[in-house]
Protein backbone atom coordinates (compact mmCIF):
# COMPACT_ATOMS: atom_id res chain seq x y z
CA LEU A 1 20.47 -14.91 11.56
CA PRO A 2 23.37 -16.02 9.56
CA THR A 3 25.85 -13.15 8.24
CA SER A 4 24.12 -13.86 4.57
CA VAL A 5 21.01 -12.14 6.63
CA THR A 6 22.69 -9.83 8.47
CA SER A 7 24.87 -8.53 5.88
CA ILE A 8 21.90 -7.61 3.76
CA ILE A 9 20.06 -5.45 6.57
CA ASP A 10 23.52 -3.75 7.42
CA GLU A 11 23.50 -2.92 3.88
CA MET A 12 20.03 -1.55 4.04
CA ARG A 13 20.49 0.35 7.10
CA ALA A 14 24.02 2.28 5.79
CA TYR A 15 22.02 2.61 2.40
CA TYR A 16 19.01 4.61 4.44
CA ASN A 17 21.60 6.48 6.39
CA GLN A 18 22.46 8.25 3.75
CA SER A 19 20.26 10.76 3.13
CA ASN A 20 17.16 11.96 5.04
CA ASN A 21 15.20 11.74 1.43
CA TYR A 22 15.37 8.11 1.89
CA PHE A 23 12.48 8.10 4.34
CA ALA A 24 11.57 4.60 5.37
CA PHE A 25 11.36 0.91 4.81
CA LYS A 26 9.83 -1.90 5.73
CA TYR A 27 10.15 -5.26 4.52
CA LYS A 28 7.82 -8.16 6.16
CA ASP A 29 7.36 -11.64 5.50
CA ILE A 30 3.66 -12.74 5.63
CA TYR A 31 3.92 -16.08 6.31
CA THR A 32 6.30 -16.28 9.18
CA GLY A 33 6.12 -12.25 10.51
CA PHE A 34 9.71 -11.47 10.03
CA SER A 35 10.81 -8.21 9.10
CA VAL A 36 12.98 -5.61 8.95
CA SER A 37 12.48 -1.75 9.06
CA TYR A 38 14.45 1.42 9.00
CA ASN A 39 12.28 4.97 10.45
CA GLU A 40 9.15 2.81 10.68
CA LYS A 41 7.44 5.34 13.28
CA GLN A 42 8.28 8.57 11.63
CA ASP A 43 5.18 10.38 9.79
CA ILE A 44 5.68 11.60 6.50
CA PHE A 45 2.71 12.85 3.93
CA THR A 46 0.50 10.21 2.47
CA ALA A 47 0.11 10.99 -0.99
CA SER A 48 -2.30 8.69 -2.81
CA THR A 49 -1.33 5.68 -0.54
CA ILE A 50 -4.07 6.65 1.62
CA LYS A 51 -6.43 5.43 -0.73
CA ALA A 52 -5.24 2.01 0.08
CA PRO A 53 -6.41 1.83 3.90
CA LYS A 54 -9.83 3.81 2.85
CA ASP A 55 -10.82 1.05 -0.03
CA ILE A 56 -9.94 -1.77 2.21
CA TYR A 57 -11.86 -0.86 4.62
CA ILE A 58 -14.61 -0.07 2.50
CA TYR A 59 -14.72 -3.64 1.00
CA GLU A 60 -14.48 -5.32 4.05
CA MET A 61 -17.75 -3.26 5.56
CA ALA A 62 -19.35 -4.56 2.29
CA SER A 63 -18.80 -7.94 3.25
CA GLN A 64 -19.91 -7.42 6.39
CA GLY A 65 -23.39 -5.90 4.48
CA LYS A 66 -22.77 -2.65 6.05
CA ILE A 67 -21.95 -0.70 2.85
CA ASN A 68 -23.77 -1.29 -0.60
CA LEU A 69 -20.93 -1.24 -3.29
CA ASP A 70 -23.73 -1.19 -5.98
CA GLU A 71 -24.94 2.33 -4.29
CA LYS A 72 -24.52 5.33 -6.66
CA LEU A 73 -22.90 8.71 -5.97
CA THR A 74 -22.73 11.40 -8.41
CA TYR A 75 -19.82 13.24 -9.15
CA THR A 76 -20.52 17.26 -9.27
CA GLY A 77 -18.24 20.32 -9.54
CA ARG A 78 -17.59 19.95 -5.80
CA TYR A 79 -14.79 17.59 -6.36
CA ALA A 80 -13.45 18.83 -9.43
CA ASN A 81 -9.77 18.03 -9.46
CA THR A 82 -6.68 18.07 -11.78
CA GLY A 83 -5.92 14.15 -10.43
CA ALA A 84 -9.46 13.35 -11.16
CA TRP A 85 -7.61 11.15 -14.25
CA VAL A 86 -11.10 9.10 -14.89
CA LEU A 87 -14.14 10.91 -13.44
CA ASN A 88 -12.85 14.25 -15.52
CA ASN A 89 -13.70 12.42 -18.72
CA LYS A 90 -16.55 11.16 -17.22
CA GLY A 91 -18.16 14.55 -16.79
CA PHE A 92 -19.88 16.34 -14.00
CA ASN A 93 -23.25 15.14 -12.58
CA THR A 94 -22.56 11.67 -13.71
CA SER A 95 -23.55 8.57 -11.61
CA HIS A 96 -21.19 6.13 -10.57
CA THR A 97 -21.22 3.37 -8.21
CA VAL A 98 -19.05 2.64 -5.55
CA ARG A 99 -17.93 -0.29 -6.89
CA ASP A 100 -16.84 1.77 -9.69
CA LEU A 101 -15.39 4.70 -7.72
CA LEU A 102 -13.03 1.97 -5.39
CA LYS A 103 -11.98 1.00 -8.69
CA TYR A 104 -10.74 4.62 -9.99
CA SER A 105 -9.36 5.13 -6.68
CA THR A 106 -7.31 1.94 -6.89
CA VAL A 107 -6.57 1.35 -10.18
CA SER A 108 -6.13 5.07 -11.64
CA SER A 109 -5.26 6.73 -8.42
CA ASP A 110 -8.39 8.94 -9.29
CA ASN A 111 -8.30 12.03 -6.34
CA ALA A 112 -12.09 12.93 -7.41
CA ALA A 113 -13.07 8.99 -6.67
CA HIS A 114 -11.41 9.09 -3.35
CA ASN A 115 -12.83 12.33 -2.14
CA MET A 116 -16.13 11.22 -3.01
CA LEU A 117 -15.79 7.94 -0.94
CA MET A 118 -13.66 9.91 2.07
CA ASP A 119 -16.96 12.14 2.66
CA HIS A 120 -19.86 9.55 2.31
CA PHE A 121 -18.39 6.79 4.30
CA GLY A 122 -16.44 9.21 6.94
CA ARG A 123 -12.74 9.65 7.86
CA GLN A 124 -14.02 8.93 11.76
CA ASN A 125 -15.14 5.30 10.76
CA MET A 126 -11.69 4.79 8.93
CA LEU A 127 -9.68 5.54 11.90
CA SER A 128 -11.78 3.67 14.17
CA PHE A 129 -11.52 0.58 12.15
CA TRP A 130 -7.61 0.84 11.53
CA LYS A 131 -6.77 1.81 15.16
CA GLU A 132 -8.16 -1.18 16.59
CA LEU A 133 -5.67 -3.08 14.05
CA GLY A 134 -2.56 -1.12 15.51
CA THR A 135 -2.01 2.00 13.17
CA THR A 136 -0.81 5.41 14.66
CA ALA A 137 -1.28 7.97 12.03
CA ILE A 138 -3.41 7.50 8.89
CA PHE A 139 -6.66 9.16 9.31
CA THR A 140 -5.72 10.71 12.25
CA VAL A 141 -5.51 14.32 10.23
CA ASN A 142 -8.61 16.26 10.04
CA ASN A 143 -8.98 16.15 5.89
CA ASN A 144 -8.80 13.18 3.36
CA TRP A 145 -5.18 12.70 2.90
CA GLY A 146 -3.12 13.24 6.46
CA LEU A 147 0.04 11.27 7.48
CA THR A 148 1.15 8.19 7.20
CA ASN A 149 4.02 5.61 7.92
CA ALA A 150 5.86 2.42 7.16
CA HIS A 151 4.16 0.81 10.00
CA ASP A 152 0.92 1.69 9.21
CA ALA A 153 1.68 0.83 5.70
CA ALA A 154 2.56 -2.63 6.49
CA ILE A 155 -0.78 -3.49 8.58
CA TYR A 156 -3.18 -2.27 6.45
CA MET A 157 -1.56 -4.26 3.44
CA GLU A 158 -1.26 -7.09 5.59
CA GLU A 159 -4.88 -6.92 6.26
CA LEU A 160 -5.61 -6.53 2.42
CA TYR A 161 -3.83 -10.04 2.35
CA LYS A 162 -5.69 -11.41 5.07
CA PHE A 163 -8.87 -10.15 3.65
CA TYR A 164 -8.08 -11.52 0.27
CA LEU A 165 -7.51 -15.29 1.40
CA GLU A 166 -10.69 -15.22 3.75
CA ASP A 167 -13.15 -13.43 1.41
CA GLU A 168 -13.54 -15.26 -1.55
CA LYS A 169 -15.77 -12.72 -3.34
CA TYR A 170 -14.93 -9.26 -1.92
CA GLY A 171 -11.23 -10.53 -1.15
CA GLU A 172 -10.26 -11.40 -5.11
CA GLU A 173 -12.27 -8.20 -6.32
CA ILE A 174 -10.45 -5.83 -4.27
CA MET A 175 -6.70 -7.72 -4.70
CA ASN A 176 -7.99 -7.44 -8.59
CA ASN A 177 -7.63 -3.88 -8.15
CA PHE A 178 -4.38 -3.43 -6.40
CA LEU A 179 -2.54 -5.91 -8.94
CA ASN A 180 -3.78 -3.39 -11.66
CA ALA A 181 -3.22 -0.80 -9.82
CA THR A 182 -0.44 1.75 -11.85
CA PRO A 183 2.01 3.61 -11.56
CA LYS A 184 4.48 0.37 -9.96
CA PHE A 185 7.09 2.05 -8.62
CA ILE A 186 8.36 -1.12 -6.71
CA LYS A 187 8.67 -3.63 -10.17
CA GLY A 188 9.38 -7.23 -8.19
CA LYS A 189 11.88 -9.76 -9.68
CA ASN A 190 10.87 -12.92 -11.26
CA ASN A 191 7.87 -11.70 -13.08
CA TYR A 192 6.04 -11.87 -9.29
CA ARG A 193 2.67 -10.47 -9.22
CA ILE A 194 2.58 -7.22 -7.52
CA ALA A 195 -0.29 -5.68 -5.63
CA ASN A 196 0.32 -2.12 -4.79
CA LYS A 197 -0.87 1.42 -4.06
CA SER A 198 1.79 3.93 -5.20
CA GLY A 199 1.46 7.80 -4.36
CA TRP A 200 3.28 11.06 -5.22
CA ALA A 201 2.61 14.87 -4.24
CA GLY A 202 5.63 17.51 -3.97
CA SER A 203 8.34 15.84 -2.77
CA ALA A 204 6.81 12.81 -1.04
CA VAL A 205 6.96 9.80 -3.36
CA HIS A 206 5.87 6.33 -2.09
CA ASP A 207 5.02 2.81 -3.03
CA VAL A 208 3.49 -0.01 -0.97
CA SER A 209 3.31 -3.34 -1.92
CA ILE A 210 2.55 -6.76 -1.66
CA ILE A 211 5.00 -9.13 -3.97
CA PHE A 212 3.33 -12.60 -4.50
CA ALA A 213 6.90 -14.30 -4.39
CA ASP A 214 6.21 -18.11 -3.35
CA ASN A 215 6.07 -17.15 0.12
CA PRO A 216 4.52 -13.16 -0.33
CA TYR A 217 6.00 -10.23 1.68
CA ILE A 218 5.15 -7.02 1.99
CA LEU A 219 7.58 -4.03 1.04
CA VAL A 220 7.21 -0.41 1.77
CA ALA A 221 9.19 2.39 0.77
CA LEU A 222 8.59 5.52 1.19
CA SER A 223 10.71 8.80 0.26
CA ASN A 224 11.11 12.42 0.30
CA LEU A 225 12.88 12.50 -3.30
CA GLY A 226 9.93 14.25 -5.26
CA GLN A 227 9.68 13.20 -9.02
CA THR A 228 13.57 13.67 -9.65
CA ASP A 229 15.32 12.48 -12.28
CA TYR A 230 16.81 9.57 -9.71
CA TYR A 231 13.45 8.74 -8.02
CA MET A 232 13.27 5.37 -9.70
CA SER A 233 16.85 4.19 -8.78
CA TYR A 234 15.55 4.45 -4.70
CA PHE A 235 12.64 1.99 -5.62
CA ASN A 236 14.79 -0.28 -7.70
CA LYS A 237 17.48 -0.07 -4.32
CA ALA A 238 14.57 -0.99 -2.14
CA ASN A 239 13.13 -3.66 -4.17
CA ASP A 240 16.86 -5.56 -4.56
CA LEU A 241 17.55 -5.25 -0.74
CA ALA A 242 13.95 -6.67 -0.07
CA TYR A 243 13.89 -9.39 -2.65
CA ARG A 244 17.80 -10.13 -1.45
CA LEU A 245 16.80 -10.37 2.34
CA HIS A 246 13.91 -12.32 1.65
CA THR A 247 15.57 -15.01 -0.61
CA GLU A 248 18.35 -15.32 1.95
CA TYR A 249 15.97 -15.54 5.14
CA TRP A 250 14.21 -18.46 3.18
CA LYS A 251 17.13 -20.10 2.35
CA TYR A 252 18.34 -19.82 5.97
CA LYS A 253 14.68 -21.07 7.38
CA MET A 254 15.03 -23.88 4.87
CA ASP A 255 18.46 -25.26 5.96
CA THR A 256 17.15 -25.07 9.92
CA CYS A 257 13.64 -25.87 9.95
CA SER A 258 13.12 -29.42 8.29
CA ASN A 259 9.33 -29.46 8.56
CA ILE A 260 9.09 -26.27 6.23
CA ASN A 261 8.36 -26.68 3.00
CA GLN A 262 6.29 -23.56 1.53
CA TYR A 263 9.26 -22.33 -0.30
């Protein structure tokens, strides 16, 4: 790799070495598989990022005819949660399709919708599915939240992108949920579309994203910062590092590989 790329990698490592609270980072170019990471195998509390692999699993099972997205589940007091941003407004004993609960889970990060879907479809089933794809932390703890790491997040976001390309019906539907998800701590550049799932709970504040650049890439930024006054500067820095790394990497590819014209 040229110094235009390695200097950004060195800058990334120096930045993350400044603080243990700058927990983990992973950039991955989807087209080539080129990746750069920091602390990617270290586990941390998932917060709401766990909703992403759960929702991807359910959509993939629906695509295979194993789950009916029109099945209705009832929101009861058992699932009362201050983070039920949508369902609390709907009220107890209301029925909602699996499809709607998935939308509430991804787009609005509704905790009650997440717990309802987890209980109905089973953590163990999700663990088996993702372990086959190489994850090491998600769904391994016997509750609806558990642990994650940057390695796992890159796997499930790449699987989301692959599913989006391969399944015209369900892939586009789930991708629209991620494109509309809020909040977005990672903002991207150049008005690129961002498909993401963020999470925040206690000191854990994370974002995992697909950046729809000319060649899309994955960016995972995990932190132990909490929602302090400066946590957004962390995500802005991660975003800037990934964007510059991606840009310089593809300039290098274009200069050295005459048959590549995707960028």
